[in-house]
Amino acid sequence: MATTAAAARTTTVGAYEAKTHLPELLRRAEKGERITITRHGHPVAELVPASDERRRRVSEAIAGLEQFRKGRKLDGITIKQLIEEGRRF
């Protein structure tokens, strides 16, 4: 994996190498590194850290759903029944 522009912490990797080392690349992106994926030397994609704003919105959505759930019950209806009802429509 070749590192370029050290100040921006950008790394360039080939598509095959990205596929082979995806878990490692995801960990590095999570820590703030930007990774450019190339095919035959030409950039085709960028793996970048998720923005804090997006993470915050996801956390807020989860908290909202948990709050909405409080005090609501299915009154004996099973998940299987709900799934079957959804399949009818």
Foldseek 3Di string as FASTA:
>chain_A
DAFDDVVQQEEEEEPVVCVVCVVVVLVVQCVFHKYFYDYPPHTDDIRHHDDPVVVVVVVVVVVVVVVVPPPDDPVPDDPVNVVVVVVVD
